[in-house]
Each structure stands twice: as structure tokens, then as C-alpha cells.
Amino acid sequence: MNGGPEKIESLKPINWRISLNVILLLFILAHSVFRDIQLEKQYTGDLRNRIVGARLQKDGRLPYFYSWQEKDGMRYFDPINNNKSSETVSPITASPFFHQLLYPICDLDQRTLSKIWFVFQYILLAAMIWIACRMTNDGRTQWLMINTGILFTMTEAWKSIIVNGQIYLFYAFLTLCVISGILSSKKGWKVVAGLILATWILNRPIGIIVIVPILLLYKQQRVFFFSTIAGLMLYGLFVLSSPFEKTLWSDYIEGIRMQVKLHQAADPKALLTPRILPADRQLEGIDFNAVDKNMVEHPITVYSENGNFFVLYRVFAHKNISLAGLNILLLFITAVLVAFYYYRFARKKPEPLQMLIFAFTLYMIIEIFSPVYRHQYNAVQWFPLVLVSLLIPMTWRNPVFLILALGLLLNIFNFTWLPMRHTIGELAWLTALLYLSCTTSDEQRTGIMPSPAGFSKKPSP
């Protein structure tokens, strides 16, 4: 051949580690999707609870003490609402604001809604992984986040949220959006983050606690704070301007108070009762005969724990802690942690990422001390915090990384010899996140990752 010796360009060798990892992740994802399709067919009961609440509220009726009557028809029928009168609280516990978010779709039949919600949860998961990956330029960290996200579909928390049609993954998504927006260098995203935090608080009022640690960065986050307060005030004015909205929120607060009594076994009138089904076992496209058949053909065990402090206290102390004692202990722990955090960073402001991890971990501590039983699906709220903690570079040998990994494994595997294993996994995450948020870069032997994609951060000294 003219022109000298032929140049043969060698092909880049295949990275077999990545290839095997991709194959494994695709296998896990396919398994999770197939399993979850069967779980969704087994009746997403908690979703029905939210839909009925939204329908009642949309139709101008009060949901929190609603007692179903046969004349109301199937529109408001909920198999777990066995109230005989308005004197007892209904099982509807979502906030009036969340019900309003469901107005556009709540008139669809239950079977269609269940399918939509199932797909929506996978969309939320994919969006959270994508948002987290956009927060860093480091390919290894992005790959680790993708692995963590797909492995998360194997946890009992994920399975529980699918089979119940619960809403806590939506709260987790809002958490990650707030963190991403605050870390953004663009003011527009800070405004959006503030409005999202207002939305999050209106869904989970106890989430107001996250503002306390963020006050440390008030000077740098004025736009965010103004946006949050403006969002809450505008909605507050809307509520105050409507007698129906005021009554809704008043009933909601009273309903939560009665739910606490119910879960603390302090109110003998409010007892949990089994679900009832329509005579023809049909409910808006759901055939409960088919549901029973699917459960026999696809027996999938969903293990759930009540990871509350008062449950752990009962297990170890062999007695109940009083509601007053539980609240006092929570206030003490919260005050100590906040005081320590302020003292720790009195002279040197914390990294924004550290501050946000601490703020939302503080919220999770309040969740753990809730007097209302926390079922397994509540644990999905750890997911965004575990994801963003990976932005703090560390080797796999780092004890903090190992504790985070241990928490994930304990939420996946059901070791019968280890009681409360998933709760222990949550406590492992709690320990790791508190350490990462309350220590300096030198103590972590690593710094917060400098200049993630799309974010401006000061390099650690």
C-alpha cells in the first residue's frame, strides 16, 4: 500500500469491571420492576386513603373525621375506614396541602391511579439519581450514586412503599431538590429551593426544624430564606381567607393529636380494625378476587419494622415511655445537637453541604421520636441524604463509608438471627450522617468535593 506502512488503530479494551457492573445493575433493576409489578397488583391501600381524602376535600367535605355512609357510594369508600361516627378519627392523615396536590388526578378510577403512582415512583427514583449525579463532575462518585440508587430498590423500605402506594418517596424527592437548589450558584434555583421547602413543610409540618441549622448561613442564603417564608406566608393567607381551609387545618391538627393517642394506646375508642370490602369485591377497577389470586401466585414477603424510639424503649426496658417523657427527651436531644452544632461552627461556618445534611438528619431524628408508628416505608426518606453524603469523597476503607454501606445492607437483607435489623441500619445511617455533618474536613481526612458541576463552593482550607 502506498503512503508507508499501514497504521492500525488499536481498539480501546473493554473495561470488564464496568461491564459486569452494568449487567448486574440491569439484572437487579429488572428483578425489582417485575417484583414491584406484582406488589402493585396486591392493592395499594394507603394510596386509596390519600385519594379518598383528596376527593372529600375537593368536594367541600372534611376528611379527617369522615364516617362513610352507604349513600355516599364508592367514591369515598375506603376499606380501612371503619368509623361509625364523626367522634373517632378517620385513617386519613395526609395534610390538606398534599390532598390539594392530588386534585388534578383524584377523580380517576383507583386502578388507573395505582398504575400512575407506581410509574411515578420509579420516575422519582430516576430523577433523584440524575439530580445527585449532576451535583458532581467525578465519574466514580456518579457511578457510586447510580449503584446506590438501583440497590435501594432491593430494600424493604422500597418494597413497602410500593405495596402500600405510600407517599414518602415524594418527600424524599423534595428533600433532594432543596439540597440541590441551595447548593446551586444561581439565584433562580435558590428561589425554587425555597418554594420547594415551603411545599415540603406544608406536607410535613415537623420539617420546619430544618430551618434552624440553615440559619447559620443566613447571610449567604437570604434569597432562599425569603422565598421559603414568602411561600409559607402566601399559603397562610390563602388558608386564613377561607373558612373551609381554616377548618381543614384545624381538623388536621386535631386528627393528628387523636392519631397519637391511638398509636400510644391511650384512646380506647379509637382502635385499629381490619379492612372491609364491598359485597361484590369490586372497587373502581380493582377486583379483590384477582388480588387474592395474585398474592397466592406471587407470594412476596414484605418485612416491615416500626423503627420508633418508643418501640425500642419498650423492647429494652420492658415498659412504655410516657408521651410527656418521649417529648421531653426529644426536645433535650434536639437542643443539645443544635447547640453543639452552633458551638462547633461558631467561628468557622460549616460547608453548605454539611449544614444541609445536618438539617435534614435532624428532621429524621424527630421522625424516629414520633409517637406514631413508623412503618418501613418511612425509611425511604434517608435515601437523598445517603446519596448526597457520597459527595464527600472517601475511600471504601473509610469507616464512615463502611457504616453507610452497612446501613444499606441491613435494609436489604433479612437476617433472621438479628432482630430490628432494618432499624439498626437506619441508626447506622444516622451515625454516619451526624459524623459527616459535624466534623471538619481534616477530621474526616478528606474535604468536601470542590466545585461540583453547576455549583460554586469554597474549597476546604
Protein backbone atom coordinates (compact mmCIF):
# COMPACT_ATOMS: atom_id res chain seq x y z
CA MET A 1 0.00 0.00 0.00
CA ASN A 2 1.31 3.39 -0.99
CA GLY A 3 1.93 6.00 1.66
CA GLY A 4 4.04 4.00 4.04
CA PRO A 5 3.21 1.27 6.50
CA GLU A 6 -0.44 0.92 7.30
CA LYS A 7 -1.39 2.39 10.65
CA ILE A 8 -3.70 0.15 12.61
CA GLU A 9 -5.57 1.93 15.35
CA SER A 10 -5.98 -0.35 18.31
CA LEU A 11 -9.41 -0.56 19.87
CA LYS A 12 -9.77 0.54 23.45
CA PRO A 13 -10.05 -2.56 25.61
CA ILE A 14 -13.36 -3.21 27.29
CA ASN A 15 -13.48 -2.43 30.98
CA TRP A 16 -14.81 -5.72 32.27
CA ARG A 17 -15.48 -4.35 35.74
CA ILE A 18 -17.84 -1.72 34.40
CA SER A 19 -19.44 -4.19 32.00
CA LEU A 20 -20.12 -6.71 34.76
CA ASN A 21 -21.39 -3.93 36.99
CA VAL A 22 -23.81 -2.76 34.29
CA ILE A 23 -25.07 -6.30 33.73
CA LEU A 24 -25.57 -6.77 37.47
CA LEU A 25 -27.44 -3.46 37.82
CA LEU A 26 -29.68 -4.27 34.87
CA PHE A 27 -30.46 -7.66 36.41
CA ILE A 28 -31.28 -6.07 39.78
CA LEU A 29 -33.45 -3.40 38.17
CA ALA A 30 -35.31 -5.94 36.03
CA HIS A 31 -35.91 -8.11 39.08
CA SER A 32 -37.14 -5.15 41.12
CA VAL A 33 -39.51 -3.94 38.39
CA PHE A 34 -41.01 -7.42 37.87
CA ARG A 35 -41.41 -7.92 41.63
CA ASP A 36 -42.94 -4.47 42.08
CA ILE A 37 -45.45 -5.03 39.28
CA GLN A 38 -46.77 -7.98 41.27
CA LEU A 39 -46.74 -5.98 44.51
CA GLU A 40 -48.70 -3.14 42.92
CA LYS A 41 -51.39 -5.62 41.88
CA GLN A 42 -51.86 -6.60 45.54
CA TYR A 43 -53.85 -3.40 46.27
CA THR A 44 -52.06 -0.20 47.27
CA GLY A 45 -54.24 0.51 50.29
CA ASP A 46 -52.54 3.66 51.57
CA LEU A 47 -52.90 5.28 48.16
CA ARG A 48 -56.66 4.76 48.41
CA ASN A 49 -56.53 6.58 51.74
CA ARG A 50 -54.89 9.63 50.10
CA ILE A 51 -57.24 9.61 47.11
CA VAL A 52 -60.37 9.47 49.25
CA GLY A 53 -59.02 12.33 51.36
CA ALA A 54 -58.38 14.41 48.23
CA ARG A 55 -61.85 13.67 46.84
CA LEU A 56 -63.59 14.62 50.07
CA GLN A 57 -61.62 17.82 50.33
CA LYS A 58 -62.15 18.69 46.66
CA ASP A 59 -65.90 18.18 47.09
CA GLY A 60 -66.00 20.52 50.08
CA ARG A 61 -66.21 17.81 52.76
CA LEU A 62 -63.98 17.40 55.80
CA PRO A 63 -61.89 14.21 55.60
CA TYR A 64 -60.20 13.79 58.98
CA PHE A 65 -63.26 12.63 60.90
CA TYR A 66 -65.20 11.31 57.94
CA SER A 67 -67.51 8.35 58.51
CA TRP A 68 -68.53 6.53 55.35
CA GLN A 69 -72.23 6.01 54.72
CA GLU A 70 -73.68 3.68 52.10
CA LYS A 71 -75.50 6.59 50.49
CA ASP A 72 -72.09 8.18 49.75
CA GLY A 73 -71.33 5.47 47.22
CA MET A 74 -67.94 4.05 46.25
CA ARG A 75 -66.38 7.47 45.60
CA TYR A 76 -65.47 7.86 49.26
CA PHE A 77 -65.25 4.19 50.20
CA ASP A 78 -62.01 3.15 51.87
CA PRO A 79 -61.69 -0.45 53.14
CA ILE A 80 -59.72 0.67 56.22
CA ASN A 81 -62.08 3.49 57.22
CA ASN A 82 -64.42 1.80 59.68
CA ASN A 83 -65.52 4.91 61.54
CA LYS A 84 -69.06 4.63 62.79
CA SER A 85 -69.41 8.29 63.66
CA SER A 86 -67.56 11.59 63.46
CA GLU A 87 -66.40 11.17 67.06
CA THR A 88 -63.48 8.98 66.04
CA VAL A 89 -60.64 9.95 63.78
CA SER A 90 -60.51 8.57 60.26
CA PRO A 91 -57.35 6.88 58.88
CA ILE A 92 -56.74 9.88 56.61
CA THR A 93 -53.52 11.54 57.80
CA ALA A 94 -52.04 13.42 54.82
CA SER A 95 -52.04 17.20 55.13
CA PRO A 96 -54.71 19.32 53.39
CA PHE A 97 -51.94 20.68 51.17
CA PHE A 98 -50.99 17.22 49.90
CA HIS A 99 -54.63 16.48 49.12
CA GLN A 100 -54.71 19.66 47.04
CA LEU A 101 -51.75 18.38 45.00
CA LEU A 102 -53.88 15.35 44.09
CA TYR A 103 -56.88 17.35 42.87
CA PRO A 104 -55.96 17.07 39.14
CA ILE A 105 -55.93 13.24 39.21
CA CYS A 106 -58.07 12.17 42.17
CA ASP A 107 -61.21 11.65 40.06
CA LEU A 108 -59.61 8.85 38.05
CA ASP A 109 -60.55 5.28 38.99
CA GLN A 110 -58.41 3.62 41.64
CA ARG A 111 -56.84 1.03 39.33
CA THR A 112 -55.61 3.73 36.95
CA LEU A 113 -54.34 5.85 39.84
CA SER A 114 -52.44 2.90 41.28
CA LYS A 115 -50.66 2.32 37.96
CA ILE A 116 -49.85 6.01 37.62
CA TRP A 117 -48.45 6.15 41.15
CA PHE A 118 -46.34 3.04 40.54
CA VAL A 119 -44.71 4.57 37.46
CA PHE A 120 -44.38 7.93 39.23
CA GLN A 121 -42.28 6.38 42.00
CA TYR A 122 -39.78 4.96 39.51
CA ILE A 123 -39.67 8.35 37.79
CA LEU A 124 -38.92 9.98 41.15
CA LEU A 125 -36.14 7.48 41.79
CA ALA A 126 -34.56 8.11 38.37
CA ALA A 127 -34.89 11.88 38.84
CA MET A 128 -33.19 11.72 42.24
CA ILE A 129 -30.26 9.74 40.86
CA TRP A 130 -29.96 12.20 37.95
CA ILE A 131 -30.09 15.27 40.23
CA ALA A 132 -27.47 13.79 42.56
CA CYS A 133 -25.18 12.91 39.65
CA ARG A 134 -25.47 16.48 38.35
CA MET A 135 -24.01 17.71 41.63
CA THR A 136 -20.54 16.35 40.87
CA ASN A 137 -18.12 16.05 37.96
CA ASP A 138 -16.45 13.00 39.43
CA GLY A 139 -17.29 9.93 37.35
CA ARG A 140 -16.60 7.45 40.16
CA THR A 141 -18.95 9.30 42.51
CA GLN A 142 -21.65 9.39 39.85
CA TRP A 143 -21.24 5.67 39.26
CA LEU A 144 -21.44 5.03 43.00
CA MET A 145 -24.68 7.04 43.16
CA ILE A 146 -26.19 5.02 40.31
CA ASN A 147 -25.27 1.79 42.10
CA THR A 148 -26.72 3.06 45.37
CA GLY A 149 -29.95 4.12 43.71
CA ILE A 150 -30.55 0.79 41.99
CA LEU A 151 -29.54 -1.21 45.05
CA PHE A 152 -32.05 0.85 47.00
CA THR A 153 -34.87 -0.88 45.08
CA MET A 154 -33.90 -4.06 46.93
CA THR A 155 -34.55 -2.59 50.37
CA GLU A 156 -37.59 -3.49 52.41
CA ALA A 157 -38.32 0.23 52.62
CA TRP A 158 -38.71 0.38 48.83
CA LYS A 159 -40.82 -2.78 48.69
CA SER A 160 -43.03 -1.45 51.47
CA ILE A 161 -43.61 1.88 49.75
CA ILE A 162 -44.57 0.11 46.51
CA VAL A 163 -47.01 -2.38 48.01
CA ASN A 164 -48.71 0.31 50.10
CA GLY A 165 -48.69 3.07 47.50
CA GLN A 166 -47.21 5.39 50.11
CA ILE A 167 -46.07 8.98 49.60
CA TYR A 168 -42.74 9.22 51.43
CA LEU A 169 -40.60 8.94 48.30
CA PHE A 170 -42.21 12.20 47.18
CA TYR A 171 -40.98 13.82 50.40
CA ALA A 172 -37.50 12.37 49.78
CA PHE A 173 -37.54 13.87 46.28
CA LEU A 174 -38.42 17.30 47.69
CA THR A 175 -35.55 16.97 50.17
CA LEU A 176 -33.03 16.39 47.39
CA CYS A 177 -34.45 19.28 45.35
CA VAL A 178 -33.98 21.63 48.32
CA ILE A 179 -30.38 20.49 48.84
CA SER A 180 -29.60 20.81 45.14
CA GLY A 181 -31.18 24.26 44.90
CA ILE A 182 -29.36 25.68 47.92
CA LEU A 183 -26.01 24.41 46.65
CA SER A 184 -26.63 25.97 43.26
CA SER A 185 -24.78 29.16 42.38
CA LYS A 186 -27.82 30.53 40.56
CA LYS A 187 -30.27 32.73 42.46
CA GLY A 188 -33.17 31.38 40.45
CA TRP A 189 -32.58 27.88 41.78
CA LYS A 190 -32.38 29.24 45.33
CA VAL A 191 -35.82 30.78 44.86
CA VAL A 192 -37.11 27.44 43.59
CA ALA A 193 -35.45 25.64 46.54
CA GLY A 194 -37.20 27.98 48.98
CA LEU A 195 -40.59 27.36 47.41
CA ILE A 196 -39.95 23.61 47.42
CA LEU A 197 -39.01 23.74 51.11
CA ALA A 198 -42.26 25.60 51.80
CA THR A 199 -44.09 22.84 49.91
CA TRP A 200 -42.22 20.20 51.90
CA ILE A 201 -43.11 21.84 55.22
CA LEU A 202 -46.78 22.11 54.23
CA ASN A 203 -46.69 18.37 53.56
CA ARG A 204 -44.63 17.54 56.67
CA PRO A 205 -45.10 20.34 59.22
CA ILE A 206 -42.44 18.84 61.53
CA GLY A 207 -39.99 19.66 58.74
CA ILE A 208 -39.89 23.26 59.99
CA ILE A 209 -36.96 22.12 62.15
CA VAL A 210 -34.61 22.09 59.14
CA ILE A 211 -34.65 25.89 59.03
CA VAL A 212 -32.91 26.14 62.43
CA PRO A 213 -29.47 24.83 61.33
CA ILE A 214 -29.70 26.61 57.96
CA LEU A 215 -29.87 29.92 59.84
CA LEU A 216 -26.10 29.59 60.25
CA LEU A 217 -25.81 30.51 56.59
CA TYR A 218 -28.45 33.23 56.61
CA LYS A 219 -26.20 35.89 55.05
CA GLN A 220 -25.34 33.63 52.12
CA GLN A 221 -28.88 32.25 51.76
CA ARG A 222 -31.08 35.36 52.06
CA VAL A 223 -32.80 34.63 48.74
CA PHE A 224 -33.59 31.09 49.84
CA PHE A 225 -35.00 32.20 53.20
CA PHE A 226 -37.09 34.96 51.64
CA SER A 227 -38.51 32.51 49.12
CA THR A 228 -39.38 29.95 51.82
CA ILE A 229 -41.05 32.49 54.09
CA ALA A 230 -42.89 34.10 51.17
CA GLY A 231 -44.24 30.71 50.08
CA LEU A 232 -45.46 29.85 53.58
CA MET A 233 -46.99 33.28 54.11
CA LEU A 234 -48.85 33.26 50.80
CA TYR A 235 -50.35 29.88 51.56
CA GLY A 236 -51.11 31.03 55.10
CA LEU A 237 -53.07 33.99 53.73
CA PHE A 238 -54.97 31.63 51.45
CA VAL A 239 -55.92 29.46 54.43
CA LEU A 240 -56.94 32.44 56.58
CA SER A 241 -59.10 33.83 53.79
CA SER A 242 -61.19 30.65 53.57
CA PRO A 243 -63.33 29.33 56.45
CA PHE A 244 -63.27 25.87 54.88
CA GLU A 245 -59.45 25.85 54.66
CA LYS A 246 -59.15 27.01 58.27
CA THR A 247 -61.46 24.21 59.39
CA LEU A 248 -59.47 21.72 57.32
CA TRP A 249 -56.21 22.58 59.04
CA SER A 250 -57.88 22.73 62.45
CA ASP A 251 -59.30 19.24 61.88
CA TYR A 252 -55.95 18.04 60.59
CA ILE A 253 -54.17 19.14 63.78
CA GLU A 254 -56.87 17.60 65.97
CA GLY A 255 -56.79 14.43 63.88
CA ILE A 256 -53.04 14.08 64.34
CA ARG A 257 -53.48 14.57 68.10
CA MET A 258 -56.01 11.74 68.16
CA GLN A 259 -53.77 9.58 65.97
CA VAL A 260 -51.06 9.97 68.59
CA LYS A 261 -53.48 8.72 71.24
CA LEU A 262 -54.42 5.83 69.01
CA HIS A 263 -50.85 4.78 68.41
CA GLN A 264 -49.94 5.22 72.05
CA ALA A 265 -52.97 3.09 73.03
CA ALA A 266 -54.32 5.96 75.14
CA ASP A 267 -57.71 6.21 73.49
CA PRO A 268 -59.82 3.02 73.81
CA LYS A 269 -62.45 4.47 71.44
CA ALA A 270 -60.01 4.59 68.54
CA LEU A 271 -58.98 1.01 67.86
CA LEU A 272 -57.41 -0.33 64.68
CA THR A 273 -59.89 -2.54 62.82
CA PRO A 274 -59.46 -4.86 59.82
CA ARG A 275 -60.46 -3.66 56.38
CA ILE A 276 -63.91 -4.27 54.96
CA LEU A 277 -64.63 -4.97 51.31
CA PRO A 278 -67.60 -4.20 49.05
CA ALA A 279 -70.11 -7.03 48.74
CA ASP A 280 -69.11 -7.69 45.12
CA ARG A 281 -65.39 -7.35 45.99
CA GLN A 282 -65.00 -4.73 43.25
CA LEU A 283 -63.64 -1.22 43.74
CA GLU A 284 -63.06 1.12 40.81
CA GLY A 285 -61.32 -1.37 38.55
CA ILE A 286 -59.82 -3.40 41.40
CA ASP A 287 -61.01 -7.00 41.70
CA PHE A 288 -60.14 -8.26 45.16
CA ASN A 289 -60.59 -11.85 43.97
CA ALA A 290 -57.80 -11.17 41.45
CA VAL A 291 -55.79 -9.52 44.23
CA ASP A 292 -56.06 -12.65 46.39
CA LYS A 293 -55.15 -14.85 43.42
CA ASN A 294 -52.09 -12.74 42.63
CA MET A 295 -50.89 -12.97 46.23
CA VAL A 296 -51.10 -16.77 46.03
CA GLU A 297 -49.37 -16.99 42.64
CA HIS A 298 -46.70 -14.44 43.53
CA PRO A 299 -46.06 -14.72 47.28
CA ILE A 300 -43.72 -11.86 48.12
CA THR A 301 -42.88 -11.18 51.75
CA VAL A 302 -42.56 -7.52 52.65
CA TYR A 303 -40.90 -7.20 56.03
CA SER A 304 -41.72 -4.07 58.00
CA GLU A 305 -40.44 -2.76 61.30
CA ASN A 306 -41.68 0.08 63.44
CA GLY A 307 -38.43 1.96 63.91
CA ASN A 308 -39.60 4.34 66.65
CA PHE A 309 -37.70 5.21 69.79
CA PHE A 310 -40.70 4.33 71.94
CA VAL A 311 -40.77 0.86 70.34
CA LEU A 312 -37.06 0.33 71.08
CA TYR A 313 -37.59 1.61 74.62
CA ARG A 314 -40.38 -0.91 75.11
CA VAL A 315 -38.18 -3.74 73.82
CA PHE A 316 -35.20 -2.97 76.06
CA ALA A 317 -36.91 -1.52 79.15
CA HIS A 318 -39.92 -3.86 79.04
CA LYS A 319 -42.23 -0.95 79.73
CA ASN A 320 -43.71 2.01 77.89
CA ILE A 321 -42.31 5.50 77.94
CA SER A 322 -44.88 8.21 78.60
CA LEU A 323 -45.77 10.64 75.85
CA ALA A 324 -44.51 13.50 78.02
CA GLY A 325 -41.24 11.66 78.63
CA LEU A 326 -40.85 10.98 74.91
CA ASN A 327 -41.38 14.64 74.02
CA ILE A 328 -39.05 15.91 76.75
CA LEU A 329 -36.30 13.55 75.64
CA LEU A 330 -36.75 14.64 72.02
CA LEU A 331 -36.57 18.33 72.96
CA PHE A 332 -33.44 17.68 75.02
CA ILE A 333 -31.65 15.75 72.26
CA THR A 334 -32.64 18.31 69.62
CA ALA A 335 -31.49 21.22 71.79
CA VAL A 336 -28.17 19.52 72.56
CA LEU A 337 -27.46 18.72 68.91
CA VAL A 338 -28.37 22.21 67.70
CA ALA A 339 -26.34 23.85 70.48
CA PHE A 340 -23.36 21.63 69.74
CA TYR A 341 -23.65 22.40 66.03
CA TYR A 342 -23.77 26.15 66.62
CA TYR A 343 -20.85 25.96 69.07
CA ARG A 344 -18.87 23.75 66.70
CA PHE A 345 -19.15 26.21 63.85
CA ALA A 346 -19.33 29.49 65.78
CA ARG A 347 -16.08 30.78 64.31
CA LYS A 348 -15.94 28.94 61.03
CA LYS A 349 -19.12 28.45 59.05
CA PRO A 350 -19.85 24.86 58.01
CA GLU A 351 -19.71 23.77 54.42
CA PRO A 352 -23.22 24.22 52.94
CA LEU A 353 -23.42 20.51 52.17
CA GLN A 354 -22.56 19.64 55.77
CA MET A 355 -25.17 22.05 57.07
CA LEU A 356 -27.88 20.59 54.83
CA ILE A 357 -27.04 17.01 55.81
CA PHE A 358 -27.29 18.01 59.46
CA ALA A 359 -30.57 19.90 58.98
CA PHE A 360 -32.37 17.01 57.31
CA THR A 361 -30.79 14.43 59.64
CA LEU A 362 -32.27 16.46 62.49
CA TYR A 363 -35.66 16.05 60.84
CA MET A 364 -35.11 12.28 60.67
CA ILE A 365 -34.32 12.23 64.40
CA ILE A 366 -37.69 13.88 65.06
CA GLU A 367 -39.23 11.21 62.82
CA ILE A 368 -37.61 8.46 64.90
CA PHE A 369 -39.04 10.02 68.06
CA SER A 370 -42.51 10.22 66.53
CA PRO A 371 -45.27 8.92 68.83
CA VAL A 372 -46.97 7.50 65.72
CA TYR A 373 -45.69 4.16 64.45
CA ARG A 374 -43.10 4.48 61.66
CA HIS A 375 -43.58 1.65 59.21
CA GLN A 376 -40.81 0.51 56.91
CA TYR A 377 -41.73 2.89 54.10
CA ASN A 378 -40.73 5.86 56.25
CA ALA A 379 -37.09 4.81 55.81
CA VAL A 380 -37.02 5.90 52.14
CA GLN A 381 -36.53 9.44 53.45
CA TRP A 382 -32.91 8.53 54.24
CA PHE A 383 -32.20 7.94 50.55
CA PRO A 384 -31.43 11.55 49.46
CA LEU A 385 -29.18 12.05 52.48
CA VAL A 386 -27.22 8.88 51.74
CA LEU A 387 -26.87 9.99 48.11
CA VAL A 388 -25.53 13.47 48.88
CA SER A 389 -23.20 12.11 51.56
CA LEU A 390 -21.35 10.41 48.69
CA LEU A 391 -20.32 13.90 47.53
CA ILE A 392 -17.86 13.86 50.43
CA PRO A 393 -15.03 11.84 48.88
CA MET A 394 -13.83 8.89 50.90
CA THR A 395 -12.20 5.56 50.14
CA TRP A 396 -14.14 2.37 50.62
CA ARG A 397 -11.95 1.64 53.63
CA ASN A 398 -13.13 4.80 55.38
CA PRO A 399 -15.18 3.75 58.47
CA VAL A 400 -17.90 6.27 57.60
CA PHE A 401 -18.30 4.81 54.12
CA LEU A 402 -18.44 1.31 55.59
CA ILE A 403 -21.14 2.39 58.04
CA LEU A 404 -23.20 3.89 55.20
CA ALA A 405 -22.80 0.65 53.23
CA LEU A 406 -23.72 -1.38 56.32
CA GLY A 407 -26.91 0.64 56.71
CA LEU A 408 -27.88 -0.18 53.12
CA LEU A 409 -27.12 -3.89 53.53
CA LEU A 410 -29.11 -4.12 56.76
CA ASN A 411 -32.08 -2.58 54.97
CA ILE A 412 -31.80 -5.14 52.15
CA PHE A 413 -31.14 -8.45 53.88
CA ASN A 414 -33.41 -10.16 56.38
CA PHE A 415 -31.07 -11.88 58.78
CA THR A 416 -33.49 -13.80 60.97
CA TRP A 417 -30.91 -14.03 63.74
CA LEU A 418 -30.71 -10.22 64.01
CA PRO A 419 -33.83 -8.55 65.46
CA MET A 420 -34.72 -4.99 64.35
CA ARG A 421 -32.08 -5.26 61.63
CA HIS A 422 -33.60 -2.55 59.42
CA THR A 423 -33.89 -0.17 62.35
CA ILE A 424 -30.22 -0.85 63.15
CA GLY A 425 -29.49 0.02 59.52
CA GLU A 426 -31.29 3.34 59.93
CA LEU A 427 -29.28 4.04 63.09
CA ALA A 428 -26.10 3.28 61.13
CA TRP A 429 -27.08 5.92 58.57
CA LEU A 430 -27.91 8.33 61.39
CA THR A 431 -24.48 7.83 62.97
CA ALA A 432 -22.58 8.29 59.71
CA LEU A 433 -24.56 11.38 58.65
CA LEU A 434 -24.16 13.09 62.03
CA TYR A 435 -20.43 12.46 61.89
CA LEU A 436 -20.10 13.83 58.36
CA SER A 437 -22.12 16.93 59.18
CA CYS A 438 -20.49 17.81 62.49
CA THR A 439 -16.79 17.23 61.77
CA THR A 440 -14.25 19.29 59.89
CA SER A 441 -12.60 18.18 56.68
CA ASP A 442 -9.34 17.45 58.49
CA GLU A 443 -11.11 15.17 60.93
CA GLN A 444 -12.74 13.34 58.05
CA ARG A 445 -9.27 13.12 56.43
CA THR A 446 -10.90 14.44 53.31
CA GLY A 447 -12.63 17.59 52.16
CA ILE A 448 -15.96 18.40 50.67
CA MET A 449 -15.60 17.84 46.95
CA PRO A 450 -14.51 21.13 45.39
CA SER A 451 -16.51 22.70 42.59
CA PRO A 452 -19.15 20.08 41.76
CA ALA A 453 -20.80 20.51 38.37
CA GLY A 454 -23.09 23.51 38.32
CA PHE A 455 -22.27 24.57 41.88
CA SER A 456 -19.98 27.13 43.43
CA LYS A 457 -18.29 26.05 46.61
CA LYS A 458 -15.39 27.40 48.58
CA PRO A 459 -12.51 24.94 48.69
CA SER A 460 -11.75 23.47 52.03
CA PRO A 461 -8.69 25.01 53.69
